[in-house]
Amino acid sequence: PRSARVRHIAFGGGSPNAIAPHEFVRLVNTL
């Protein structure tokens, strides 16, 4: 629902820096 507001985003794993830096940017843009 659009009434929900995201105030925290956590990236975990594994290791999020197992992906390439530009892929991480793309992931944040998707979110």
All heavy atoms as atom14 arrays in JSON, in Angstrom:
{
  "sequence": "PRSARVRHIAFGGGSPNAIAPHEFVRLVNTL",
  "atom14_mask": [
    [1, 1, 1, 1, 1, 1, 1, 0, 0, 0, 0, 0, 0, 0],
    [1, 1, 1, 1, 1, 1, 1, 1, 1, 1, 1, 0, 0, 0],
    [1, 1, 1, 1, 1, 1, 0, 0, 0, 0, 0, 0, 0, 0],
    [1, 1, 1, 1, 1, 0, 0, 0, 0, 0, 0, 0, 0, 0],
    [1, 1, 1, 1, 1, 1, 1, 1, 1, 1, 1, 0, 0, 0],
    [1, 1, 1, 1, 1, 1, 1, 0, 0, 0, 0, 0, 0, 0],
    [1, 1, 1, 1, 1, 1, 1, 1, 1, 1, 1, 0, 0, 0],
    [1, 1, 1, 1, 1, 1, 1, 1, 1, 1, 0, 0, 0, 0],
    [1, 1, 1, 1, 1, 1, 1, 1, 0, 0, 0, 0, 0, 0],
    [1, 1, 1, 1, 1, 0, 0, 0, 0, 0, 0, 0, 0, 0],
    [1, 1, 1, 1, 1, 1, 1, 1, 1, 1, 1, 0, 0, 0],
    [1, 1, 1, 1, 0, 0, 0, 0, 0, 0, 0, 0, 0, 0],
    [1, 1, 1, 1, 0, 0, 0, 0, 0, 0, 0, 0, 0, 0],
    [1, 1, 1, 1, 0, 0, 0, 0, 0, 0, 0, 0, 0, 0],
    [1, 1, 1, 1, 1, 1, 0, 0, 0, 0, 0, 0, 0, 0],
    [1, 1, 1, 1, 1, 1, 1, 0, 0, 0, 0, 0, 0, 0],
    [1, 1, 1, 1, 1, 1, 1, 1, 0, 0, 0, 0, 0, 0],
    [1, 1, 1, 1, 1, 0, 0, 0, 0, 0, 0, 0, 0, 0],
    [1, 1, 1, 1, 1, 1, 1, 1, 0, 0, 0, 0, 0, 0],
    [1, 1, 1, 1, 1, 0, 0, 0, 0, 0, 0, 0, 0, 0],
    [1, 1, 1, 1, 1, 1, 1, 0, 0, 0, 0, 0, 0, 0],
    [1, 1, 1, 1, 1, 1, 1, 1, 1, 1, 0, 0, 0, 0],
    [1, 1, 1, 1, 1, 1, 1, 1, 1, 0, 0, 0, 0, 0],
    [1, 1, 1, 1, 1, 1, 1, 1, 1, 1, 1, 0, 0, 0],
    [1, 1, 1, 1, 1, 1, 1, 0, 0, 0, 0, 0, 0, 0],
    [1, 1, 1, 1, 1, 1, 1, 1, 1, 1, 1, 0, 0, 0],
    [1, 1, 1, 1, 1, 1, 1, 1, 0, 0, 0, 0, 0, 0],
    [1, 1, 1, 1, 1, 1, 1, 0, 0, 0, 0, 0, 0, 0],
    [1, 1, 1, 1, 1, 1, 1, 1, 0, 0, 0, 0, 0, 0],
    [1, 1, 1, 1, 1, 1, 1, 0, 0, 0, 0, 0, 0, 0],
    [1, 1, 1, 1, 1, 1, 1, 1, 0, 0, 0, 0, 0, 0]
  ],
  "atom14_positions": [
    [[0.83, -1.22, 0.0], [0.0, 0.0, 0.0], [0.86, 1.26, 0.0], [1.9, 1.33, 0.65], [-0.8, -0.13, 1.31], [-0.86, -1.61, 1.56], [0.46, -2.15, 1.09], [0.0, 0.0, 0.0], [0.0, 0.0, 0.0], [0.0, 0.0, 0.0], [0.0, 0.0, 0.0], [0.0, 0.0, 0.0], [0.0, 0.0, 0.0], [0.0, 0.0, 0.0]],
    [[0.4, 2.26, -0.72], [1.17, 3.5, -0.84], [1.24, 4.27, 0.47], [2.06, 5.18, 0.63], [0.57, 4.42, -1.93], [0.44, 3.76, -3.29], [1.69, 2.99, -3.7], [2.82, 3.88, -4.02], [4.01, 3.43, -4.37], [4.25, 2.13, -4.41], [4.97, 4.29, -4.66], [0.0, 0.0, 0.0], [0.0, 0.0, 0.0], [0.0, 0.0, 0.0]],
    [[0.39, 3.89, 1.45], [0.45, 4.55, 2.76], [1.66, 4.09, 3.56], [2.0, 4.7, 4.58], [-0.83, 4.26, 3.55], [-1.02, 2.87, 3.71], [0.0, 0.0, 0.0], [0.0, 0.0, 0.0], [0.0, 0.0, 0.0], [0.0, 0.0, 0.0], [0.0, 0.0, 0.0], [0.0, 0.0, 0.0], [0.0, 0.0, 0.0], [0.0, 0.0, 0.0]],
    [[2.31, 3.02, 3.12], [3.51, 2.54, 3.79], [4.71, 3.36, 3.35], [4.88, 3.64, 2.17], [3.73, 1.06, 3.48], [0.0, 0.0, 0.0], [0.0, 0.0, 0.0], [0.0, 0.0, 0.0], [0.0, 0.0, 0.0], [0.0, 0.0, 0.0], [0.0, 0.0, 0.0], [0.0, 0.0, 0.0], [0.0, 0.0, 0.0], [0.0, 0.0, 0.0]],
    [[5.54, 3.73, 4.29], [6.7, 4.56, 4.01], [7.97, 3.85, 4.49], [8.07, 3.47, 5.65], [6.58, 5.93, 4.7], [5.45, 6.79, 4.16], [5.77, 7.27, 2.74], [4.74, 8.14, 2.2], [3.71, 7.73, 1.46], [3.57, 6.43, 1.21], [2.83, 8.58, 0.99], [0.0, 0.0, 0.0], [0.0, 0.0, 0.0], [0.0, 0.0, 0.0]],
    [[8.92, 3.69, 3.59], [10.16, 2.99, 3.91], [11.14, 3.96, 4.56], [11.53, 4.97, 3.97], [10.79, 2.39, 2.64], [12.16, 1.77, 2.95], [9.86, 1.33, 2.04], [0.0, 0.0, 0.0], [0.0, 0.0, 0.0], [0.0, 0.0, 0.0], [0.0, 0.0, 0.0], [0.0, 0.0, 0.0], [0.0, 0.0, 0.0], [0.0, 0.0, 0.0]],
    [[11.54, 3.63, 5.81], [12.45, 4.5, 6.55], [13.81, 3.85, 6.82], [14.74, 4.55, 7.23], [11.8, 4.91, 7.88], [10.51, 5.71, 7.67], [10.05, 6.37, 8.94], [8.82, 7.11, 8.73], [8.76, 8.36, 8.25], [9.89, 8.98, 7.93], [7.6, 8.97, 8.07], [0.0, 0.0, 0.0], [0.0, 0.0, 0.0], [0.0, 0.0, 0.0]],
    [[13.94, 2.56, 6.61], [15.22, 1.87, 6.75], [15.38, 0.87, 5.61], [14.43, 0.15, 5.28], [15.32, 1.1, 8.08], [15.51, 1.97, 9.27], [14.46, 2.63, 9.89], [16.63, 2.29, 9.98], [14.94, 3.31, 10.93], [16.24, 3.13, 11.01], [0.0, 0.0, 0.0], [0.0, 0.0, 0.0], [0.0, 0.0, 0.0], [0.0, 0.0, 0.0]],
    [[16.57, 0.82, 5.03], [16.91, -0.21, 4.04], [18.24, -0.81, 4.46], [19.24, -0.1, 4.59], [17.01, 0.35, 2.61], [15.7, 1.05, 2.2], [17.32, -0.78, 1.62], [15.78, 1.7, 0.83], [0.0, 0.0, 0.0], [0.0, 0.0, 0.0], [0.0, 0.0, 0.0], [0.0, 0.0, 0.0], [0.0, 0.0, 0.0], [0.0, 0.0, 0.0]],
    [[18.26, -2.13, 4.67], [19.48, -2.83, 5.06], [19.84, -3.84, 3.99], [18.99, -4.61, 3.52], [19.28, -3.54, 6.4], [0.0, 0.0, 0.0], [0.0, 0.0, 0.0], [0.0, 0.0, 0.0], [0.0, 0.0, 0.0], [0.0, 0.0, 0.0], [0.0, 0.0, 0.0], [0.0, 0.0, 0.0], [0.0, 0.0, 0.0], [0.0, 0.0, 0.0]],
    [[21.11, -3.83, 3.6], [21.63, -4.8, 2.63], [22.53, -5.77, 3.38], [23.48, -5.36, 4.05], [22.43, -4.09, 1.54], [21.63, -3.12, 0.71], [21.49, -1.8, 1.1], [21.01, -3.53, -0.46], [20.75, -0.89, 0.35], [20.26, -2.64, -1.23], [20.14, -1.32, -0.82], [0.0, 0.0, 0.0], [0.0, 0.0, 0.0], [0.0, 0.0, 0.0]],
    [[22.2, -7.06, 3.28], [22.99, -8.06, 3.99], [23.27, -9.27, 3.13], [22.94, -9.33, 1.95], [0.0, 0.0, 0.0], [0.0, 0.0, 0.0], [0.0, 0.0, 0.0], [0.0, 0.0, 0.0], [0.0, 0.0, 0.0], [0.0, 0.0, 0.0], [0.0, 0.0, 0.0], [0.0, 0.0, 0.0], [0.0, 0.0, 0.0], [0.0, 0.0, 0.0]],
    [[23.89, -10.27, 3.74], [24.28, -11.44, 2.97], [24.76, -12.56, 3.87], [24.33, -12.64, 5.02], [0.0, 0.0, 0.0], [0.0, 0.0, 0.0], [0.0, 0.0, 0.0], [0.0, 0.0, 0.0], [0.0, 0.0, 0.0], [0.0, 0.0, 0.0], [0.0, 0.0, 0.0], [0.0, 0.0, 0.0], [0.0, 0.0, 0.0], [0.0, 0.0, 0.0]],
    [[25.68, -13.37, 3.36], [26.61, -13.06, 2.3], [27.27, -11.69, 2.44], [27.38, -11.12, 3.51], [0.0, 0.0, 0.0], [0.0, 0.0, 0.0], [0.0, 0.0, 0.0], [0.0, 0.0, 0.0], [0.0, 0.0, 0.0], [0.0, 0.0, 0.0], [0.0, 0.0, 0.0], [0.0, 0.0, 0.0], [0.0, 0.0, 0.0], [0.0, 0.0, 0.0]],
    [[27.69, -11.21, 1.31], [28.32, -9.9, 1.25], [27.73, -9.11, 0.09], [27.92, -9.49, -1.07], [29.83, -10.03, 1.05], [30.42, -10.68, 2.15], [0.0, 0.0, 0.0], [0.0, 0.0, 0.0], [0.0, 0.0, 0.0], [0.0, 0.0, 0.0], [0.0, 0.0, 0.0], [0.0, 0.0, 0.0], [0.0, 0.0, 0.0], [0.0, 0.0, 0.0]],
    [[27.02, -8.03, 0.36], [26.5, -7.2, -0.74], [27.58, -6.72, -1.7], [27.3, -6.51, -2.88], [25.84, -6.04, 0.0], [25.38, -6.65, 1.29], [26.49, -7.61, 1.67], [0.0, 0.0, 0.0], [0.0, 0.0, 0.0], [0.0, 0.0, 0.0], [0.0, 0.0, 0.0], [0.0, 0.0, 0.0], [0.0, 0.0, 0.0], [0.0, 0.0, 0.0]],
    [[28.82, -6.56, -1.2], [29.87, -6.15, -2.15], [30.46, -7.32, -2.92], [31.51, -7.2, -3.56], [30.97, -5.33, -1.47], [31.66, -6.03, -0.33], [31.01, -6.65, 0.52], [32.98, -5.94, -0.28], [0.0, 0.0, 0.0], [0.0, 0.0, 0.0], [0.0, 0.0, 0.0], [0.0, 0.0, 0.0], [0.0, 0.0, 0.0], [0.0, 0.0, 0.0]],
    [[29.74, -8.46, -2.91], [30.07, -9.54, -3.83], [29.61, -9.2, -5.24], [30.09, -9.78, -6.21], [29.43, -10.86, -3.37], [0.0, 0.0, 0.0], [0.0, 0.0, 0.0], [0.0, 0.0, 0.0], [0.0, 0.0, 0.0], [0.0, 0.0, 0.0], [0.0, 0.0, 0.0], [0.0, 0.0, 0.0], [0.0, 0.0, 0.0], [0.0, 0.0, 0.0]],
    [[28.64, -8.28, -5.35], [28.22, -7.82, -6.66], [29.05, -6.6, -7.05], [29.73, -6.0, -6.22], [26.71, -7.49, -6.68], [26.38, -6.3, -5.78], [25.89, -8.71, -6.25], [24.9, -5.87, -5.85], [0.0, 0.0, 0.0], [0.0, 0.0, 0.0], [0.0, 0.0, 0.0], [0.0, 0.0, 0.0], [0.0, 0.0, 0.0], [0.0, 0.0, 0.0]],
    [[28.99, -6.23, -8.31], [29.77, -5.09, -8.79], [29.17, -3.79, -8.28], [27.95, -3.7, -8.06], [29.8, -5.08, -10.32], [0.0, 0.0, 0.0], [0.0, 0.0, 0.0], [0.0, 0.0, 0.0], [0.0, 0.0, 0.0], [0.0, 0.0, 0.0], [0.0, 0.0, 0.0], [0.0, 0.0, 0.0], [0.0, 0.0, 0.0], [0.0, 0.0, 0.0]],
    [[29.98, -2.75, -8.08], [29.46, -1.47, -7.58], [28.32, -0.91, -8.43], [27.33, -0.41, -7.88], [30.69, -0.56, -7.61], [31.85, -1.48, -7.46], [31.46, -2.74, -8.18], [0.0, 0.0, 0.0], [0.0, 0.0, 0.0], [0.0, 0.0, 0.0], [0.0, 0.0, 0.0], [0.0, 0.0, 0.0], [0.0, 0.0, 0.0], [0.0, 0.0, 0.0]],
    [[28.43, -0.98, -9.76], [27.36, -0.43, -10.6], [26.07, -1.24, -10.45], [24.97, -0.69, -10.6], [27.8, -0.39, -12.07], [27.84, -1.72, -12.75], [28.95, -2.54, -12.71], [26.91, -2.38, -13.49], [28.71, -3.65, -13.39], [27.48, -3.58, -13.88], [0.0, 0.0, 0.0], [0.0, 0.0, 0.0], [0.0, 0.0, 0.0], [0.0, 0.0, 0.0]],
    [[26.18, -2.54, -10.11], [24.99, -3.35, -9.9], [24.31, -2.95, -8.59], [23.08, -2.99, -8.47], [25.36, -4.83, -9.87], [25.81, -5.36, -11.22], [26.41, -6.75, -11.14], [27.01, -7.1, -10.09], [26.29, -7.5, -12.13], [0.0, 0.0, 0.0], [0.0, 0.0, 0.0], [0.0, 0.0, 0.0], [0.0, 0.0, 0.0], [0.0, 0.0, 0.0]],
    [[25.1, -2.54, -7.61], [24.53, -2.06, -6.36], [23.76, -0.77, -6.58], [22.66, -0.59, -6.05], [25.65, -1.85, -5.34], [25.17, -1.47, -3.97], [24.64, -2.43, -3.12], [25.25, -0.17, -3.51], [24.19, -2.08, -1.85], [24.81, 0.19, -2.25], [24.28, -0.77, -1.41], [0.0, 0.0, 0.0], [0.0, 0.0, 0.0], [0.0, 0.0, 0.0]],
    [[24.32, 0.13, -7.38], [23.61, 1.38, -7.71], [22.3, 1.07, -8.41], [21.24, 1.67, -8.1], [24.49, 2.29, -8.59], [23.69, 3.5, -9.06], [25.73, 2.74, -7.83], [0.0, 0.0, 0.0], [0.0, 0.0, 0.0], [0.0, 0.0, 0.0], [0.0, 0.0, 0.0], [0.0, 0.0, 0.0], [0.0, 0.0, 0.0], [0.0, 0.0, 0.0]],
    [[22.33, 0.14, -9.33], [21.11, -0.23, -10.05], [20.07, -0.8, -9.09], [18.87, -0.55, -9.23], [21.46, -1.25, -11.14], [20.32, -1.58, -12.09], [20.79, -2.54, -13.17], [21.89, -1.95, -13.93], [22.84, -2.66, -14.52], [22.83, -3.98, -14.43], [23.79, -2.06, -15.21], [0.0, 0.0, 0.0], [0.0, 0.0, 0.0], [0.0, 0.0, 0.0]],
    [[20.53, -1.57, -8.1], [19.63, -2.14, -7.11], [18.96, -1.05, -6.28], [17.74, -1.08, -6.04], [20.42, -3.09, -6.21], [19.68, -4.14, -5.41], [18.82, -5.02, -6.29], [20.69, -4.98, -4.61], [0.0, 0.0, 0.0], [0.0, 0.0, 0.0], [0.0, 0.0, 0.0], [0.0, 0.0, 0.0], [0.0, 0.0, 0.0], [0.0, 0.0, 0.0]],
    [[19.73, -0.07, -5.86], [19.17, 1.05, -5.09], [18.18, 1.83, -5.94], [17.11, 2.23, -5.47], [20.29, 1.96, -4.57], [19.71, 3.22, -3.92], [21.18, 1.21, -3.56], [0.0, 0.0, 0.0], [0.0, 0.0, 0.0], [0.0, 0.0, 0.0], [0.0, 0.0, 0.0], [0.0, 0.0, 0.0], [0.0, 0.0, 0.0], [0.0, 0.0, 0.0]],
    [[18.5, 2.04, -7.2], [17.57, 2.75, -8.1], [16.26, 1.99, -8.25], [15.18, 2.59, -8.29], [18.21, 2.96, -9.47], [19.33, 3.99, -9.44], [19.41, 4.8, -8.53], [20.2, 3.96, -10.44], [0.0, 0.0, 0.0], [0.0, 0.0, 0.0], [0.0, 0.0, 0.0], [0.0, 0.0, 0.0], [0.0, 0.0, 0.0], [0.0, 0.0, 0.0]],
    [[16.35, 0.66, -8.33], [15.14, -0.17, -8.43], [14.27, -0.02, -7.2], [13.03, 0.1, -7.29], [15.52, -1.64, -8.62], [16.32, -1.79, -9.8], [14.29, -2.51, -8.76], [0.0, 0.0, 0.0], [0.0, 0.0, 0.0], [0.0, 0.0, 0.0], [0.0, 0.0, 0.0], [0.0, 0.0, 0.0], [0.0, 0.0, 0.0], [0.0, 0.0, 0.0]],
    [[14.88, 0.0, -6.03], [14.14, 0.19, -4.78], [13.49, 1.57, -4.74], [12.35, 1.74, -4.28], [15.07, 0.02, -3.59], [15.61, -1.39, -3.33], [16.81, -1.35, -2.39], [14.52, -2.29, -2.76], [0.0, 0.0, 0.0], [0.0, 0.0, 0.0], [0.0, 0.0, 0.0], [0.0, 0.0, 0.0], [0.0, 0.0, 0.0], [0.0, 0.0, 0.0]]
  ]
}
